[in-house]
PDB file of N, CA and C in Angstrom:
ATOM      1  N   UNK A   1     -25.378 -12.249 -14.106  1.00  0.00           N
ATOM      2  CA  UNK A   1     -24.358 -12.959 -14.872  1.00  0.00           C
ATOM      3  C   UNK A   1     -23.562 -13.841 -13.915  1.00  0.00           C
ATOM      4  N   UNK A   2     -23.568 -15.092 -14.143  1.00  0.00           N
ATOM      5  CA  UNK A   2     -22.900 -16.033 -13.248  1.00  0.00           C
ATOM      6  C   UNK A   2     -21.405 -16.107 -13.546  1.00  0.00           C
ATOM      7  N   UNK A   3     -20.599 -16.104 -12.470  1.00  0.00           N
ATOM      8  CA  UNK A   3     -19.149 -16.207 -12.639  1.00  0.00           C
ATOM      9  C   UNK A   3     -18.491 -14.908 -13.052  1.00  0.00           C
ATOM     10  N   UNK A   4     -19.233 -13.804 -13.014  1.00  0.00           N
ATOM     11  CA  UNK A   4     -18.675 -12.510 -13.395  1.00  0.00           C
ATOM     12  C   UNK A   4     -17.665 -12.048 -12.351  1.00  0.00           C
ATOM     13  N   UNK A   5     -16.423 -11.843 -12.753  1.00  0.00           N
ATOM     14  CA  UNK A   5     -15.379 -11.432 -11.825  1.00  0.00           C
ATOM     15  C   UNK A   5     -14.992  -9.975 -12.026  1.00  0.00           C
ATOM     16  N   UNK A   6     -15.884  -9.199 -12.657  1.00  0.00           N
ATOM     17  CA  UNK A   6     -15.567  -7.801 -12.910  1.00  0.00           C
ATOM     18  C   UNK A   6     -16.045  -6.905 -11.770  1.00  0.00           C
ATOM     19  N   UNK A   7     -16.405  -7.487 -10.623  1.00  0.00           N
ATOM     20  CA  UNK A   7     -16.831  -6.701  -9.476  1.00  0.00           C
ATOM     21  C   UNK A   7     -15.686  -5.805  -9.019  1.00  0.00           C
ATOM     22  N   UNK A   8     -15.982  -4.546  -8.827  1.00  0.00           N
ATOM     23  CA  UNK A   8     -14.963  -3.595  -8.410  1.00  0.00           C
ATOM     24  C   UNK A   8     -14.957  -3.507  -6.882  1.00  0.00           C
ATOM     25  N   UNK A   9     -13.805  -3.769  -6.293  1.00  0.00           N
ATOM     26  CA  UNK A   9     -13.637  -3.663  -4.843  1.00  0.00           C
ATOM     27  C   UNK A   9     -13.091  -2.272  -4.554  1.00  0.00           C
ATOM     28  N   UNK A  10     -13.723  -1.539  -3.639  1.00  0.00           N
ATOM     29  CA  UNK A  10     -13.203  -0.200  -3.320  1.00  0.00           C
ATOM     30  C   UNK A  10     -11.728  -0.261  -2.916  1.00  0.00           C
ATOM     31  N   UNK A  11     -10.989   0.736  -3.313  1.00  0.00           N
ATOM     32  CA  UNK A  11      -9.547   0.787  -3.070  1.00  0.00           C
ATOM     33  C   UNK A  11      -9.204   0.553  -1.601  1.00  0.00           C
ATOM     34  N   UNK A  12      -9.939   1.162  -0.700  1.00  0.00           N
ATOM     35  CA  UNK A  12      -9.642   1.034   0.731  1.00  0.00           C
ATOM     36  C   UNK A  12      -9.912  -0.368   1.267  1.00  0.00           C
ATOM     37  N   UNK A  13     -10.703  -1.176   0.556  1.00  0.00           N
ATOM     38  CA  UNK A  13     -11.062  -2.517   1.025  1.00  0.00           C
ATOM     39  C   UNK A  13     -10.208  -3.630   0.414  1.00  0.00           C
ATOM     40  N   UNK A  14      -9.280  -3.297  -0.445  1.00  0.00           N
ATOM     41  CA  UNK A  14      -8.476  -4.321  -1.121  1.00  0.00           C
ATOM     42  C   UNK A  14      -7.483  -4.979  -0.172  1.00  0.00           C
ATOM     43  N   UNK A  15      -7.102  -6.200  -0.486  1.00  0.00           N
ATOM     44  CA  UNK A  15      -6.113  -6.940   0.300  1.00  0.00           C
ATOM     45  C   UNK A  15      -4.691  -6.526  -0.056  1.00  0.00           C
ATOM     46  N   UNK A  16      -4.520  -5.958  -1.241  1.00  0.00           N
ATOM     47  CA  UNK A  16      -3.189  -5.516  -1.684  1.00  0.00           C
ATOM     48  C   UNK A  16      -3.358  -4.349  -2.638  1.00  0.00           C
ATOM     49  N   UNK A  17      -2.320  -3.516  -2.694  1.00  0.00           N
ATOM     50  CA  UNK A  17      -2.336  -2.352  -3.569  1.00  0.00           C
ATOM     51  C   UNK A  17      -1.046  -2.307  -4.385  1.00  0.00           C
ATOM     52  N   UNK A  18      -1.122  -1.652  -5.538  1.00  0.00           N
ATOM     53  CA  UNK A  18       0.095  -1.291  -6.259  1.00  0.00           C
ATOM     54  C   UNK A  18       0.732  -0.147  -5.478  1.00  0.00           C
ATOM     55  N   UNK A  19       1.999   0.158  -5.728  1.00  0.00           N
ATOM     56  CA  UNK A  19       2.610   1.300  -5.036  1.00  0.00           C
ATOM     57  C   UNK A  19       1.837   2.608  -5.252  1.00  0.00           C
ATOM     58  N   UNK A  20       1.317   2.816  -6.458  1.00  0.00           N
ATOM     59  CA  UNK A  20       0.551   4.021  -6.739  1.00  0.00           C
ATOM     60  C   UNK A  20      -0.743   4.039  -5.926  1.00  0.00           C
ATOM     61  N   UNK A  21      -1.424   2.891  -5.858  1.00  0.00           N
ATOM     62  CA  UNK A  21      -2.662   2.801  -5.086  1.00  0.00           C
ATOM     63  C   UNK A  21      -2.397   3.000  -3.598  1.00  0.00           C
ATOM     64  N   UNK A  22      -1.291   2.430  -3.105  1.00  0.00           N
ATOM     65  CA  UNK A  22      -0.945   2.620  -1.697  1.00  0.00           C
ATOM     66  C   UNK A  22      -0.717   4.106  -1.415  1.00  0.00           C
ATOM     67  N   UNK A  23      -0.068   4.787  -2.323  1.00  0.00           N
ATOM     68  CA  UNK A  23       0.114   6.220  -2.170  1.00  0.00           C
ATOM     69  C   UNK A  23      -1.215   6.945  -2.052  1.00  0.00           C
ATOM     70  N   UNK A  24      -2.182   6.534  -2.851  1.00  0.00           N
ATOM     71  CA  UNK A  24      -3.503   7.170  -2.811  1.00  0.00           C
ATOM     72  C   UNK A  24      -4.225   6.912  -1.492  1.00  0.00           C
ATOM     73  N   UNK A  25      -4.207   5.661  -1.012  1.00  0.00           N
ATOM     74  CA  UNK A  25      -4.954   5.356   0.216  1.00  0.00           C
ATOM     75  C   UNK A  25      -4.232   5.866   1.459  1.00  0.00           C
ATOM     76  N   UNK A  26      -2.920   6.040   1.382  1.00  0.00           N
ATOM     77  CA  UNK A  26      -2.160   6.463   2.564  1.00  0.00           C
ATOM     78  C   UNK A  26      -1.878   7.963   2.587  1.00  0.00           C
ATOM     79  N   UNK A  27      -2.141   8.636   1.481  1.00  0.00           N
ATOM     80  CA  UNK A  27      -1.852  10.063   1.415  1.00  0.00           C
ATOM     81  C   UNK A  27      -0.390  10.375   1.149  1.00  0.00           C
ATOM     82  N   UNK A  28       0.370   9.370   0.724  1.00  0.00           N
ATOM     83  CA  UNK A  28       1.793   9.551   0.416  1.00  0.00           C
ATOM     84  C   UNK A  28       1.941   9.743  -1.095  1.00  0.00           C
ATOM     85  N   UNK A  29       2.919  10.499  -1.487  1.00  0.00           N
ATOM     86  CA  UNK A  29       3.195  10.672  -2.908  1.00  0.00           C
ATOM     87  C   UNK A  29       3.855   9.425  -3.488  1.00  0.00           C
ATOM     88  N   UNK A  30       3.696   9.231  -4.789  1.00  0.00           N
ATOM     89  CA  UNK A  30       4.250   8.057  -5.475  1.00  0.00           C
ATOM     90  C   UNK A  30       5.761   7.964  -5.291  1.00  0.00           C
ATOM     91  N   UNK A  31       6.459   9.077  -5.441  1.00  0.00           N
ATOM     92  CA  UNK A  31       7.912   9.082  -5.310  1.00  0.00           C
ATOM     93  C   UNK A  31       8.337   8.659  -3.916  1.00  0.00           C
ATOM     94  N   UNK A  32       7.664   9.169  -2.892  1.00  0.00           N
ATOM     95  CA  UNK A  32       7.996   8.817  -1.516  1.00  0.00           C
ATOM     96  C   UNK A  32       7.738   7.332  -1.247  1.00  0.00           C
ATOM     97  N   UNK A  33       6.653   6.795  -1.797  1.00  0.00           N
ATOM     98  CA  UNK A  33       6.361   5.358  -1.634  1.00  0.00           C
ATOM     99  C   UNK A  33       7.521   4.542  -2.210  1.00  0.00           C
ATOM    100  N   UNK A  34       7.960   4.877  -3.420  1.00  0.00           N
ATOM    101  CA  UNK A  34       9.070   4.136  -4.036  1.00  0.00           C
ATOM    102  C   UNK A  34      10.372   4.320  -3.267  1.00  0.00           C
ATOM    103  N   UNK A  35      10.593   5.477  -2.679  1.00  0.00           N
ATOM    104  CA  UNK A  35      11.794   5.679  -1.854  1.00  0.00           C
ATOM    105  C   UNK A  35      11.775   4.751  -0.641  1.00  0.00           C
ATOM    106  N   UNK A  36      10.623   4.625  -0.005  1.00  0.00           N
ATOM    107  CA  UNK A  36      10.509   3.731   1.152  1.00  0.00           C
ATOM    108  C   UNK A  36      10.682   2.266   0.738  1.00  0.00           C
ATOM    109  N   UNK A  37      10.190   1.905  -0.437  1.00  0.00           N
ATOM    110  CA  UNK A  37      10.373   0.536  -0.930  1.00  0.00           C
ATOM    111  C   UNK A  37      11.864   0.275  -1.150  1.00  0.00           C
ATOM    112  N   UNK A  38      12.543   1.187  -1.855  1.00  0.00           N
ATOM    113  CA  UNK A  38      13.981   1.016  -2.137  1.00  0.00           C
ATOM    114  C   UNK A  38      14.805   0.963  -0.858  1.00  0.00           C
ATOM    115  N   UNK A  39      14.400   1.729   0.148  1.00  0.00           N
ATOM    116  CA  UNK A  39      15.140   1.764   1.419  1.00  0.00           C
ATOM    117  C   UNK A  39      14.855   0.538   2.284  1.00  0.00           C
ATOM    118  N   UNK A  40      13.897  -0.286   1.879  1.00  0.00           N
ATOM    119  CA  UNK A  40      13.566  -1.482   2.653  1.00  0.00           C
ATOM    120  C   UNK A  40      12.608  -1.210   3.803  1.00  0.00           C
ATOM    121  N   UNK A  41      12.008  -0.028   3.830  1.00  0.00           N
ATOM    122  CA  UNK A  41      11.077   0.323   4.894  1.00  0.00           C
ATOM    123  C   UNK A  41       9.664  -0.182   4.652  1.00  0.00           C
ATOM    124  N   UNK A  42       9.337  -0.438   3.397  1.00  0.00           N
ATOM    125  CA  UNK A  42       7.990  -0.848   3.005  1.00  0.00           C
ATOM    126  C   UNK A  42       8.082  -2.143   2.217  1.00  0.00           C
ATOM    127  N   UNK A  43       7.548  -3.209   2.784  1.00  0.00           N
ATOM    128  CA  UNK A  43       7.638  -4.536   2.162  1.00  0.00           C
ATOM    129  C   UNK A  43       6.718  -4.630   0.950  1.00  0.00           C
ATOM    130  N   UNK A  44       7.188  -5.331  -0.068  1.00  0.00           N
ATOM    131  CA  UNK A  44       6.381  -5.574  -1.265  1.00  0.00           C
ATOM    132  C   UNK A  44       6.408  -7.058  -1.595  1.00  0.00           C
ATOM    133  N   UNK A  45       5.496  -7.461  -2.446  1.00  0.00           N
ATOM    134  CA  UNK A  45       5.440  -8.815  -2.981  1.00  0.00           C
ATOM    135  C   UNK A  45       5.390  -8.688  -4.501  1.00  0.00           C
ATOM    136  N   UNK A  46       5.816  -9.706  -5.198  1.00  0.00           N
ATOM    137  CA  UNK A  46       5.766  -9.694  -6.657  1.00  0.00           C
ATOM    138  C   UNK A  46       4.809 -10.783  -7.136  1.00  0.00           C
ATOM    139  N   UNK A  47       3.953 -10.416  -8.095  1.00  0.00           N
ATOM    140  CA  UNK A  47       3.083 -11.355  -8.783  1.00  0.00           C
ATOM    141  C   UNK A  47       3.347 -11.151 -10.261  1.00  0.00           C
ATOM    142  N   UNK A  48       4.214 -12.003 -10.812  1.00  0.00           N
ATOM    143  CA  UNK A  48       4.676 -11.764 -12.174  1.00  0.00           C
ATOM    144  C   UNK A  48       5.482 -10.490 -12.185  1.00  0.00           C
ATOM    145  N   UNK A  49       5.106  -9.545 -13.028  1.00  0.00           N
ATOM    146  CA  UNK A  49       5.813  -8.264 -13.091  1.00  0.00           C
ATOM    147  C   UNK A  49       5.192  -7.216 -12.178  1.00  0.00           C
ATOM    148  N   UNK A  50       4.082  -7.570 -11.581  1.00  0.00           N
ATOM    149  CA  UNK A  50       3.350  -6.595 -10.750  1.00  0.00           C
ATOM    150  C   UNK A  50       3.902  -6.551  -9.319  1.00  0.00           C
ATOM    151  N   UNK A  51       4.109  -5.353  -8.817  1.00  0.00           N
ATOM    152  CA  UNK A  51       4.545  -5.140  -7.442  1.00  0.00           C
ATOM    153  C   UNK A  51       3.312  -4.848  -6.601  1.00  0.00           C
ATOM    154  N   UNK A  52       3.175  -5.575  -5.488  1.00  0.00           N
ATOM    155  CA  UNK A  52       2.026  -5.407  -4.606  1.00  0.00           C
ATOM    156  C   UNK A  52       2.474  -5.100  -3.185  1.00  0.00           C
ATOM    157  N   UNK A  53       1.696  -4.300  -2.508  1.00  0.00           N
ATOM    158  CA  UNK A  53       1.899  -4.024  -1.090  1.00  0.00           C
ATOM    159  C   UNK A  53       0.693  -4.604  -0.371  1.00  0.00           C
ATOM    160  N   UNK A  54       0.936  -5.620   0.447  1.00  0.00           N
ATOM    161  CA  UNK A  54      -0.167  -6.221   1.187  1.00  0.00           C
ATOM    162  C   UNK A  54      -0.715  -5.231   2.194  1.00  0.00           C
ATOM    163  N   UNK A  55      -2.011  -5.323   2.430  1.00  0.00           N
ATOM    164  CA  UNK A  55      -2.679  -4.430   3.372  1.00  0.00           C
ATOM    165  C   UNK A  55      -1.959  -4.381   4.720  1.00  0.00           C
ATOM    166  N   UNK A  56      -1.642  -5.574   5.268  1.00  0.00           N
ATOM    167  CA  UNK A  56      -0.998  -5.610   6.587  1.00  0.00           C
ATOM    168  C   UNK A  56       0.408  -5.014   6.556  1.00  0.00           C
ATOM    169  N   UNK A  57       1.126  -5.179   5.431  1.00  0.00           N
ATOM    170  CA  UNK A  57       2.456  -4.567   5.308  1.00  0.00           C
ATOM    171  C   UNK A  57       2.345  -3.047   5.213  1.00  0.00           C
ATOM    172  N   UNK A  58       1.355  -2.554   4.479  1.00  0.00           N
ATOM    173  CA  UNK A  58       1.147  -1.117   4.374  1.00  0.00           C
ATOM    174  C   UNK A  58       0.783  -0.506   5.720  1.00  0.00           C
ATOM    175  N   UNK A  59      -0.103  -1.192   6.455  1.00  0.00           N
ATOM    176  CA  UNK A  59      -0.495  -0.684   7.773  1.00  0.00           C
ATOM    177  C   UNK A  59       0.674  -0.730   8.755  1.00  0.00           C
ATOM    178  N   UNK A  60       1.465  -1.800   8.708  1.00  0.00           N
ATOM    179  CA  UNK A  60       2.636  -1.906   9.583  1.00  0.00           C
ATOM    180  C   UNK A  60       3.625  -0.779   9.283  1.00  0.00           C
ATOM    181  N   UNK A  61       3.820  -0.484   8.004  1.00  0.00           N
ATOM    182  CA  UNK A  61       4.710   0.609   7.623  1.00  0.00           C
ATOM    183  C   UNK A  61       4.214   1.937   8.199  1.00  0.00           C
ATOM    184  N   UNK A  62       2.926   2.213   8.031  1.00  0.00           N
ATOM    185  CA  UNK A  62       2.375   3.473   8.535  1.00  0.00           C
ATOM    186  C   UNK A  62       2.486   3.564  10.052  1.00  0.00           C
ATOM    187  N   UNK A  63       2.270   2.450  10.743  1.00  0.00           N
ATOM    188  CA  UNK A  63       2.389   2.443  12.204  1.00  0.00           C
ATOM    189  C   UNK A  63       3.834   2.638  12.652  1.00  0.00           C
ATOM    190  N   UNK A  64       4.784   2.290  11.795  1.00  0.00           N
ATOM    191  CA  UNK A  64       6.199   2.412  12.169  1.00  0.00           C
ATOM    192  C   UNK A  64       6.723   3.836  11.994  1.00  0.00           C
ATOM    193  N   UNK A  65       5.978   4.693  11.348  1.00  0.00           N
ATOM    194  CA  UNK A  65       6.416   6.072  11.145  1.00  0.00           C
ATOM    195  C   UNK A  65       6.447   6.793  12.494  1.00  0.00           C
ATOM    196  N   UNK A  66       7.349   7.727  12.664  1.00  0.00           N
ATOM    197  CA  UNK A  66       7.437   8.446  13.940  1.00  0.00           C
ATOM    198  C   UNK A  66       6.148   9.227  14.218  1.00  0.00           C
ATOM    199  N   UNK A  67       5.774   9.244  15.469  1.00  0.00           N
ATOM    200  CA  UNK A  67       4.604  10.019  15.878  1.00  0.00           C
ATOM    201  C   UNK A  67       4.968  11.505  15.853  1.00  0.00           C
ATOM    202  N   UNK A  68       3.996  12.336  15.597  1.00  0.00           N
ATOM    203  CA  UNK A  68       4.221  13.771  15.587  1.00  0.00           C
ATOM    204  C   UNK A  68       3.320  14.462  16.598  1.00  0.00           C
ATOM    205  N   UNK A  69       3.493  15.714  16.735  1.00  0.00           N
ATOM    206  CA  UNK A  69       2.661  16.486  17.646  1.00  0.00           C
ATOM    207  C   UNK A  69       3.056  16.313  19.094  1.00  0.00           C
ATOM    208  N   UNK A  70       2.241  16.747  19.976  1.00  0.00           N
ATOM    209  CA  UNK A  70       2.528  16.707  21.403  1.00  0.00           C
ATOM    210  C   UNK A  70       2.484  15.312  21.991  1.00  0.00           C
ATOM    211  N   UNK A  71       1.719  14.403  21.371  1.00  0.00           N
ATOM    212  CA  UNK A  71       1.600  13.037  21.892  1.00  0.00           C
ATOM    213  C   UNK A  71       2.897  12.252  21.745  1.00  0.00           C
ATOM    214  N   UNK A  72       3.789  12.734  20.885  1.00  0.00           N
ATOM    215  CA  UNK A  72       5.069  12.038  20.665  1.00  0.00           C
ATOM    216  C   UNK A  72       5.898  12.233  21.870  1.00  0.00           C
TER     217      UNK A  72
END
């Protein structure tokens, strides 16, 4: 089928996620993701009414979290 745009991109390969999807790929709960968004720790973008977290913003947020364990 030519021009078919119903191709499903795996969640981990997407360029942007909804807050719920980011929670799934990052292992964070939905409530915690929204808390970080409200606190300004996790950048979002808006497309109409949809809230998106760009891949690079999500990765930057995760890298900014404090290190744990002995390596810290």
